[in-house]
N, C-alpha and C. Protein backbone atom coordinates (compact mmCIF):
# COMPACT_ATOMS: atom_id res chain seq x y z
N MET A 1 157.10 148.44 -65.11
CA MET A 1 156.87 147.63 -63.76
C MET A 1 155.79 146.52 -64.27
N ALA A 2 156.20 145.41 -63.60
CA ALA A 2 155.33 144.28 -64.06
C ALA A 2 154.46 143.81 -62.79
N TYR A 3 153.10 143.54 -62.77
CA TYR A 3 152.32 143.03 -61.77
C TYR A 3 151.89 141.71 -62.29
N VAL A 4 151.96 140.86 -61.13
CA VAL A 4 151.58 139.62 -61.25
C VAL A 4 150.11 139.33 -60.85
N LEU A 5 149.17 138.94 -61.48
CA LEU A 5 147.75 138.79 -61.19
C LEU A 5 147.67 137.26 -61.11
N LYS A 6 146.83 136.84 -60.17
CA LYS A 6 146.47 135.35 -59.79
C LYS A 6 145.54 134.87 -61.06
N ASN A 7 144.61 135.70 -61.52
CA ASN A 7 143.70 135.24 -62.62
C ASN A 7 143.79 136.03 -63.73
N GLY A 8 143.44 135.77 -64.92
CA GLY A 8 143.48 136.71 -66.00
C GLY A 8 143.31 135.80 -67.31
N GLU A 9 142.86 136.57 -68.23
CA GLU A 9 142.90 135.99 -69.66
C GLU A 9 144.03 136.64 -70.44
N GLU A 10 144.29 135.93 -71.39
CA GLU A 10 145.21 136.42 -72.39
C GLU A 10 144.78 137.53 -73.10
N GLN A 11 145.58 138.72 -73.04
CA GLN A 11 145.24 139.99 -73.71
C GLN A 11 146.46 140.72 -74.24
N VAL A 12 146.27 141.34 -75.42
CA VAL A 12 147.25 142.27 -75.87
C VAL A 12 146.54 143.69 -76.10
N GLU A 13 147.22 144.59 -75.51
CA GLU A 13 146.61 146.07 -75.71
C GLU A 13 147.62 146.99 -76.11
N PHE A 14 147.32 147.90 -76.83
CA PHE A 14 148.28 149.05 -77.13
C PHE A 14 147.92 150.43 -76.49
N LEU A 15 148.83 150.84 -75.67
CA LEU A 15 148.56 152.03 -74.73
C LEU A 15 149.16 153.17 -75.42
N GLU A 16 148.31 153.93 -76.20
CA GLU A 16 148.72 155.13 -76.96
C GLU A 16 149.49 156.10 -76.27
N GLU A 17 149.03 156.51 -75.14
CA GLU A 17 149.70 157.63 -74.46
C GLU A 17 151.18 157.21 -74.24
N GLU A 18 151.55 155.92 -73.71
CA GLU A 18 152.79 155.80 -73.37
C GLU A 18 153.54 154.93 -74.39
N ASN A 19 152.86 154.78 -75.59
CA ASN A 19 153.39 154.08 -76.76
C ASN A 19 154.01 152.88 -76.45
N LEU A 20 153.15 152.07 -75.61
CA LEU A 20 153.58 150.66 -75.08
C LEU A 20 152.60 149.55 -75.60
N ILE A 21 153.05 148.36 -75.59
CA ILE A 21 152.07 147.13 -75.79
C ILE A 21 152.06 146.50 -74.41
N LYS A 22 150.80 146.24 -74.09
CA LYS A 22 150.74 145.62 -72.71
C LYS A 22 150.25 144.40 -73.07
N VAL A 23 150.86 143.18 -72.49
CA VAL A 23 150.52 141.78 -72.86
C VAL A 23 150.20 141.20 -71.48
N THR A 24 148.99 140.65 -71.39
CA THR A 24 148.60 139.91 -70.13
C THR A 24 148.50 138.34 -70.43
N LEU A 25 149.26 137.69 -69.68
CA LEU A 25 149.24 136.09 -69.86
C LEU A 25 148.84 135.61 -68.54
N PRO A 26 147.89 134.52 -68.73
CA PRO A 26 147.48 133.73 -67.53
C PRO A 26 148.56 132.75 -66.96
N ILE A 27 149.27 133.16 -65.88
CA ILE A 27 150.44 132.13 -65.47
C ILE A 27 150.16 132.35 -63.82
N ARG A 28 150.72 131.16 -63.21
CA ARG A 28 150.90 131.26 -61.85
C ARG A 28 152.52 130.97 -61.41
N MET A 29 152.89 131.66 -60.47
CA MET A 29 154.19 131.66 -60.00
C MET A 29 154.22 130.81 -58.66
N ASN A 30 155.02 129.76 -58.71
CA ASN A 30 155.02 128.94 -57.36
C ASN A 30 156.49 129.10 -56.91
N GLN A 31 156.55 129.24 -55.56
CA GLN A 31 157.84 129.34 -54.90
C GLN A 31 158.15 128.10 -54.04
N ARG A 32 159.23 127.39 -54.19
CA ARG A 32 159.41 126.16 -53.53
C ARG A 32 160.98 126.18 -53.20
N GLY A 33 161.35 126.01 -51.93
CA GLY A 33 162.70 125.89 -51.57
C GLY A 33 163.52 126.92 -52.17
N GLY A 34 162.98 128.13 -52.21
CA GLY A 34 163.81 129.28 -52.70
C GLY A 34 163.84 129.35 -54.32
N LYS A 35 163.18 128.44 -54.84
CA LYS A 35 163.21 128.49 -56.43
C LYS A 35 161.78 128.85 -56.96
N THR A 36 161.77 129.76 -57.76
CA THR A 36 160.44 130.21 -58.35
C THR A 36 160.24 129.49 -59.56
N THR A 37 159.15 128.98 -59.92
CA THR A 37 158.77 128.46 -61.30
C THR A 37 157.58 129.09 -61.75
N ILE A 38 157.23 129.42 -63.22
CA ILE A 38 156.14 129.58 -63.74
C ILE A 38 155.20 128.47 -64.25
N GLU A 39 154.03 128.48 -63.92
CA GLU A 39 153.14 127.40 -64.51
C GLU A 39 152.25 128.16 -65.48
N THR A 40 152.16 127.38 -66.53
CA THR A 40 151.10 127.97 -67.50
C THR A 40 149.75 127.13 -67.40
N PRO A 41 148.85 127.88 -67.76
CA PRO A 41 147.32 127.14 -67.49
C PRO A 41 147.36 125.71 -68.12
N ALA A 42 146.35 124.91 -67.56
CA ALA A 42 146.08 123.62 -68.19
C ALA A 42 145.72 123.73 -69.64
N GLY A 43 146.27 122.88 -70.49
CA GLY A 43 145.90 122.80 -71.90
C GLY A 43 146.92 123.59 -72.78
N ALA A 44 147.94 124.33 -72.15
CA ALA A 44 148.86 125.14 -73.01
C ALA A 44 149.70 123.99 -73.62
N ILE A 45 150.10 124.34 -74.93
CA ILE A 45 150.77 123.41 -75.75
C ILE A 45 152.26 123.95 -75.90
N ASP A 46 153.14 123.02 -76.12
CA ASP A 46 154.58 123.37 -76.42
C ASP A 46 154.59 123.82 -77.78
N PRO A 47 155.47 124.77 -78.06
CA PRO A 47 155.67 125.30 -79.56
C PRO A 47 156.33 124.10 -80.42
N PRO A 48 155.94 124.06 -81.49
CA PRO A 48 156.56 123.01 -82.52
C PRO A 48 158.07 123.07 -82.48
N GLU A 49 158.75 122.04 -82.75
CA GLU A 49 160.19 121.94 -82.80
C GLU A 49 160.66 122.73 -84.01
N MET A 50 161.76 123.46 -83.97
CA MET A 50 162.21 124.24 -85.00
C MET A 50 163.03 123.53 -86.17
N LYS A 51 162.60 123.84 -87.23
CA LYS A 51 163.18 123.11 -88.52
C LYS A 51 164.63 123.55 -88.57
N GLN A 52 165.43 122.68 -89.44
CA GLN A 52 166.88 123.23 -89.75
C GLN A 52 166.97 124.45 -90.38
N ILE A 53 166.00 124.76 -91.35
CA ILE A 53 165.94 126.08 -92.09
C ILE A 53 165.80 127.38 -91.16
N GLN A 54 164.96 127.07 -90.07
CA GLN A 54 164.79 128.00 -89.20
C GLN A 54 165.85 128.31 -88.34
N ILE A 55 166.48 127.27 -87.88
CA ILE A 55 167.81 127.36 -87.05
C ILE A 55 168.82 128.08 -87.92
N ALA A 56 168.96 127.74 -89.06
CA ALA A 56 170.18 128.29 -89.98
C ALA A 56 169.70 129.85 -90.25
N LEU A 57 168.56 130.20 -90.42
CA LEU A 57 168.19 131.65 -90.66
C LEU A 57 168.37 132.46 -89.43
N ILE A 58 168.22 131.90 -88.19
CA ILE A 58 168.35 132.70 -86.92
C ILE A 58 169.97 132.71 -86.79
N GLN A 59 170.70 131.62 -87.05
CA GLN A 59 172.18 131.71 -86.94
C GLN A 59 172.65 132.84 -87.84
N GLY A 60 172.11 132.80 -89.12
CA GLY A 60 172.64 133.69 -89.95
C GLY A 60 172.46 135.16 -89.75
N HIS A 61 171.38 135.58 -89.02
CA HIS A 61 171.23 136.83 -88.63
C HIS A 61 172.12 137.20 -87.35
N ARG A 62 172.27 136.23 -86.54
CA ARG A 62 173.09 136.43 -85.46
C ARG A 62 174.64 136.69 -85.96
N TRP A 63 175.01 135.91 -86.81
CA TRP A 63 176.53 135.83 -87.29
C TRP A 63 176.63 137.13 -88.11
N LEU A 64 175.60 137.58 -88.89
CA LEU A 64 175.74 138.82 -89.72
C LEU A 64 175.79 140.13 -88.68
N LYS A 65 175.02 139.92 -87.50
CA LYS A 65 175.11 141.12 -86.58
C LYS A 65 176.51 141.01 -86.00
N MET A 66 177.18 139.89 -85.63
CA MET A 66 178.35 139.83 -85.18
C MET A 66 179.53 140.42 -86.04
N LEU A 67 179.39 140.30 -87.40
CA LEU A 67 180.45 140.75 -88.19
C LEU A 67 180.18 142.25 -88.49
N THR A 68 178.86 142.78 -88.54
CA THR A 68 178.84 144.19 -88.82
C THR A 68 179.03 144.85 -87.57
N ARG A 69 178.95 144.35 -86.47
CA ARG A 69 179.56 145.02 -85.24
C ARG A 69 181.03 144.73 -85.05
N GLN A 70 181.71 144.21 -85.82
CA GLN A 70 183.10 144.08 -85.96
C GLN A 70 183.60 143.18 -84.72
N LYS A 71 182.82 142.36 -84.28
CA LYS A 71 183.22 141.40 -83.14
C LYS A 71 184.32 140.47 -83.72
N PHE A 72 184.24 140.12 -85.08
CA PHE A 72 185.11 139.40 -85.86
C PHE A 72 185.52 140.14 -87.18
N SER A 73 186.90 140.00 -87.50
CA SER A 73 187.06 140.74 -88.73
C SER A 73 186.92 139.89 -90.17
N SER A 74 186.69 138.53 -89.89
CA SER A 74 186.31 137.65 -91.12
C SER A 74 185.41 136.59 -90.70
N ILE A 75 185.07 135.87 -91.56
CA ILE A 75 184.14 134.67 -91.51
C ILE A 75 184.90 133.59 -91.08
N LYS A 76 186.15 133.51 -91.58
CA LYS A 76 187.01 132.41 -90.91
C LYS A 76 187.25 132.48 -89.46
N GLN A 77 187.40 133.82 -88.99
CA GLN A 77 187.56 133.85 -87.54
C GLN A 77 186.40 133.45 -86.80
N LEU A 78 185.16 133.97 -87.19
CA LEU A 78 183.84 133.79 -86.70
C LEU A 78 183.55 132.23 -86.70
N ALA A 79 183.82 131.45 -87.80
CA ALA A 79 183.70 130.09 -88.04
C ALA A 79 184.56 129.37 -86.95
N GLU A 80 185.78 129.67 -86.67
CA GLU A 80 186.63 129.07 -85.78
C GLU A 80 186.09 129.19 -84.50
N LYS A 81 185.71 130.48 -84.00
CA LYS A 81 185.05 130.65 -82.65
C LYS A 81 183.78 129.80 -82.43
N GLU A 82 182.85 129.65 -83.42
CA GLU A 82 181.56 128.97 -83.28
C GLU A 82 181.75 127.48 -83.55
N LYS A 83 183.13 127.16 -84.00
CA LYS A 83 183.26 125.66 -84.14
C LYS A 83 182.59 125.18 -85.28
N VAL A 84 182.32 125.90 -86.37
CA VAL A 84 181.54 125.41 -87.58
C VAL A 84 182.40 125.68 -88.89
N ASP A 85 181.97 124.94 -89.78
CA ASP A 85 182.72 125.19 -91.14
C ASP A 85 182.42 126.61 -91.74
N LYS A 86 183.38 127.29 -92.30
CA LYS A 86 183.25 128.80 -92.77
C LYS A 86 182.22 128.68 -93.95
N ALA A 87 182.01 127.60 -94.73
CA ALA A 87 181.01 127.49 -95.68
C ALA A 87 179.59 127.51 -95.09
N ARG A 88 179.39 126.87 -94.00
CA ARG A 88 178.31 126.96 -93.30
C ARG A 88 177.92 128.25 -92.75
N VAL A 89 178.87 129.13 -92.26
CA VAL A 89 178.51 130.40 -91.80
C VAL A 89 178.07 131.23 -93.09
N SER A 90 178.85 131.11 -94.27
CA SER A 90 178.54 131.86 -95.35
C SER A 90 177.21 131.67 -95.95
N LYS A 91 176.84 130.33 -95.86
CA LYS A 91 175.47 129.89 -96.48
C LYS A 91 174.35 130.36 -95.38
N CYS A 92 174.53 130.53 -94.16
CA CYS A 92 173.54 130.90 -93.17
C CYS A 92 173.37 132.39 -93.28
N ILE A 93 174.43 133.15 -93.56
CA ILE A 93 174.44 134.43 -93.69
C ILE A 93 173.72 134.74 -94.93
N ARG A 94 173.92 134.10 -96.04
CA ARG A 94 173.31 134.32 -97.26
C ARG A 94 171.67 134.29 -97.14
N LEU A 95 171.28 133.32 -96.05
CA LEU A 95 169.67 133.23 -95.89
C LEU A 95 169.14 134.53 -95.48
N THR A 96 170.00 135.49 -94.86
CA THR A 96 169.51 136.63 -94.46
C THR A 96 169.03 137.66 -95.62
N CYS A 97 169.55 137.20 -96.84
CA CYS A 97 169.32 138.13 -98.06
C CYS A 97 167.92 137.65 -98.68
N LEU A 98 167.12 136.75 -98.07
CA LEU A 98 165.95 136.29 -98.57
C LEU A 98 164.79 137.41 -98.28
N ALA A 99 163.89 137.51 -99.23
CA ALA A 99 162.76 138.36 -99.22
C ALA A 99 162.17 138.32 -97.69
N PRO A 100 161.94 139.52 -97.15
CA PRO A 100 161.13 139.51 -95.84
C PRO A 100 159.97 138.58 -95.72
N ASP A 101 159.13 138.64 -96.65
CA ASP A 101 158.00 137.68 -96.49
C ASP A 101 158.40 136.26 -96.61
N ILE A 102 159.47 135.88 -97.30
CA ILE A 102 159.84 134.36 -97.17
C ILE A 102 160.49 134.28 -95.89
N GLN A 103 161.29 135.01 -95.26
CA GLN A 103 161.80 134.86 -93.94
C GLN A 103 160.72 134.78 -92.86
N GLU A 104 159.75 135.55 -92.91
CA GLU A 104 158.59 135.59 -91.95
C GLU A 104 158.09 134.19 -92.06
N ASP A 105 157.60 133.77 -93.38
CA ASP A 105 156.95 132.45 -93.39
C ASP A 105 157.77 131.26 -92.97
N ILE A 106 159.02 131.36 -93.24
CA ILE A 106 159.86 130.28 -92.64
C ILE A 106 159.94 130.32 -90.97
N LEU A 107 160.07 131.53 -90.53
CA LEU A 107 160.19 131.58 -89.13
C LEU A 107 158.84 131.53 -88.26
N CYS A 108 157.67 131.79 -88.91
CA CYS A 108 156.49 131.69 -88.21
C CYS A 108 155.59 130.44 -88.59
N TYR A 109 156.12 129.48 -89.30
CA TYR A 109 155.63 128.16 -89.65
C TYR A 109 154.41 128.46 -90.52
N GLN A 110 154.37 129.41 -91.37
CA GLN A 110 153.28 129.62 -92.38
C GLN A 110 153.63 128.91 -93.40
N GLY A 111 152.58 128.42 -94.28
CA GLY A 111 152.80 127.39 -95.23
C GLY A 111 152.99 127.85 -96.63
N LYS A 112 153.07 129.04 -96.98
CA LYS A 112 153.12 129.65 -98.27
C LYS A 112 154.53 129.28 -99.02
N TRP A 113 155.61 129.16 -98.23
CA TRP A 113 157.01 128.67 -98.71
C TRP A 113 157.34 127.52 -98.10
N GLN A 114 157.24 126.18 -98.83
CA GLN A 114 157.70 124.96 -98.31
C GLN A 114 158.99 124.69 -98.76
N LEU A 115 160.06 125.46 -97.93
CA LEU A 115 161.30 125.29 -98.45
C LEU A 115 162.17 124.50 -97.41
N SER A 116 163.21 124.00 -97.92
CA SER A 116 163.92 123.08 -97.06
C SER A 116 165.36 123.59 -97.17
N MET A 117 166.31 123.22 -96.23
CA MET A 117 167.65 123.50 -96.28
C MET A 117 168.39 123.37 -97.62
N LYS A 118 167.98 122.16 -98.13
CA LYS A 118 168.52 121.75 -99.61
C LYS A 118 168.18 122.80 -100.42
N ASP A 119 167.05 123.34 -100.49
CA ASP A 119 166.52 124.25 -101.46
C ASP A 119 167.31 125.73 -101.44
N CYS A 120 167.57 125.98 -100.00
CA CYS A 120 168.26 127.32 -99.86
C CYS A 120 169.66 127.40 -99.80
N MET A 121 170.23 126.03 -99.77
CA MET A 121 171.88 126.07 -99.77
C MET A 121 172.28 126.29 -101.16
N LYS A 122 171.38 126.01 -102.20
CA LYS A 122 171.89 126.15 -103.38
C LYS A 122 171.89 127.67 -103.80
N PRO A 123 172.49 128.04 -104.75
CA PRO A 123 172.57 129.52 -105.11
C PRO A 123 170.99 130.00 -105.59
N PHE A 124 170.74 131.19 -105.14
CA PHE A 124 169.47 131.80 -105.48
C PHE A 124 169.68 133.28 -105.72
N PRO A 125 168.63 133.99 -106.47
CA PRO A 125 168.95 135.35 -106.88
C PRO A 125 168.78 136.23 -105.68
N MET A 126 169.39 137.35 -105.76
CA MET A 126 169.39 138.38 -104.67
C MET A 126 168.24 139.29 -104.80
N LEU A 127 167.58 139.64 -106.06
CA LEU A 127 166.27 140.48 -106.02
C LEU A 127 165.17 139.58 -105.48
N TRP A 128 164.54 140.25 -104.52
CA TRP A 128 163.25 139.66 -103.98
C TRP A 128 162.27 139.12 -104.97
N SER A 129 162.10 139.91 -106.07
CA SER A 129 160.93 139.30 -106.99
C SER A 129 161.38 138.15 -107.79
N GLU A 130 162.72 138.07 -107.98
CA GLU A 130 163.23 136.94 -108.61
C GLU A 130 163.31 135.79 -107.80
N GLN A 131 163.48 136.05 -106.46
CA GLN A 131 163.48 134.89 -105.55
C GLN A 131 162.16 134.37 -105.37
N ARG A 132 161.24 135.08 -105.42
CA ARG A 132 159.86 134.56 -105.36
C ARG A 132 159.64 133.66 -106.68
N GLU A 133 159.92 134.19 -107.73
CA GLU A 133 159.80 133.23 -108.99
C GLU A 133 160.78 132.01 -108.82
N HIS A 134 162.01 132.18 -108.42
CA HIS A 134 162.87 131.02 -108.31
C HIS A 134 162.27 129.99 -107.43
N PHE A 135 161.80 130.39 -106.14
CA PHE A 135 161.30 129.39 -105.17
C PHE A 135 159.80 128.88 -105.57
N LYS A 136 159.16 129.66 -106.44
CA LYS A 136 157.84 129.23 -106.94
C LYS A 136 158.17 127.95 -107.75
N VAL A 137 159.19 127.96 -108.57
CA VAL A 137 159.54 126.69 -109.43
C VAL A 137 160.03 125.47 -108.51
N ILE A 138 160.70 125.75 -107.31
CA ILE A 138 161.18 124.71 -106.45
C ILE A 138 160.05 124.17 -105.69
N SER A 139 159.09 125.00 -105.20
CA SER A 139 157.95 124.45 -104.31
C SER A 139 156.69 124.78 -105.07
N PRO A 140 156.30 124.06 -106.18
CA PRO A 140 154.94 124.58 -107.00
C PRO A 140 153.80 124.25 -106.15
N GLN A 141 153.87 123.12 -105.18
CA GLN A 141 152.62 122.77 -104.53
C GLN A 141 152.09 123.87 -103.57
N THR A 142 152.75 124.97 -103.42
CA THR A 142 152.39 125.80 -102.43
C THR A 142 151.57 126.99 -103.14
N ASP A 143 150.65 127.67 -102.38
CA ASP A 143 149.88 128.95 -103.10
C ASP A 143 150.74 130.16 -102.63
N ILE A 144 151.41 130.73 -103.52
CA ILE A 144 152.49 131.80 -103.39
C ILE A 144 151.69 132.99 -103.86
N ILE A 145 151.48 134.07 -103.02
CA ILE A 145 151.05 135.34 -103.18
C ILE A 145 152.02 136.27 -103.16
N ASN A 146 152.23 137.00 -104.22
CA ASN A 146 153.22 138.26 -104.34
C ASN A 146 152.83 139.36 -103.50
N PRO A 147 153.36 139.68 -102.34
CA PRO A 147 152.78 140.87 -101.55
C PRO A 147 153.03 142.11 -102.09
N VAL A 148 153.74 142.30 -103.14
CA VAL A 148 153.96 143.57 -103.83
C VAL A 148 152.74 143.97 -104.65
N SER A 149 152.17 142.91 -105.24
CA SER A 149 150.94 143.16 -106.08
C SER A 149 149.73 143.32 -105.24
N GLN A 150 149.67 142.96 -103.92
CA GLN A 150 148.56 143.11 -102.88
C GLN A 150 148.49 144.62 -102.41
N SER A 151 147.62 145.41 -102.70
CA SER A 151 147.58 146.86 -102.18
C SER A 151 146.18 147.12 -101.68
C-alpha cells in the first residue's frame, strides 16, 4: 500500500522483516479537472538523453526475451513485426552477450567503457575476459578495472 506524504526527504530503506525496499520521494500530487499530475521538487533535473548504444542494448534484451518466450519463432518474423532489419535485431541481441559490468556501465552512464554503436556492431569475443581486453584496445583512454581481480 502506498501512502502519499506532503513533505519528505528522499530515502531508501530495507525492511528486513517484510523483505522489502521502501523508497520515499518528495513529490506533490495535483488534481485539476479530473486529471492528476505529479510535481517534483524545484531543482529536480531531467535524466540525460539515452545514447544509441543504450537503446540498442535495451532493445536486444527485449527482443531476446520475446524469442525465448516463443512469441516469435524466428528473428525474421520478429524483425517484420518490429519493422526493422533482421541484421539490426541480430546485432542488438548480440549486445546482450556483453559482460555484465560492461552492460551496467553502458546503461548507468558510468565512464569506464567509452563504447559507441560502431564499436559494438563489429564482431567481438564471447568470453567476458576476452571482451574486456578487446574493448580495452578500442577505448584506451578509459581506466578499465577488471572486476574479477577485485576481491
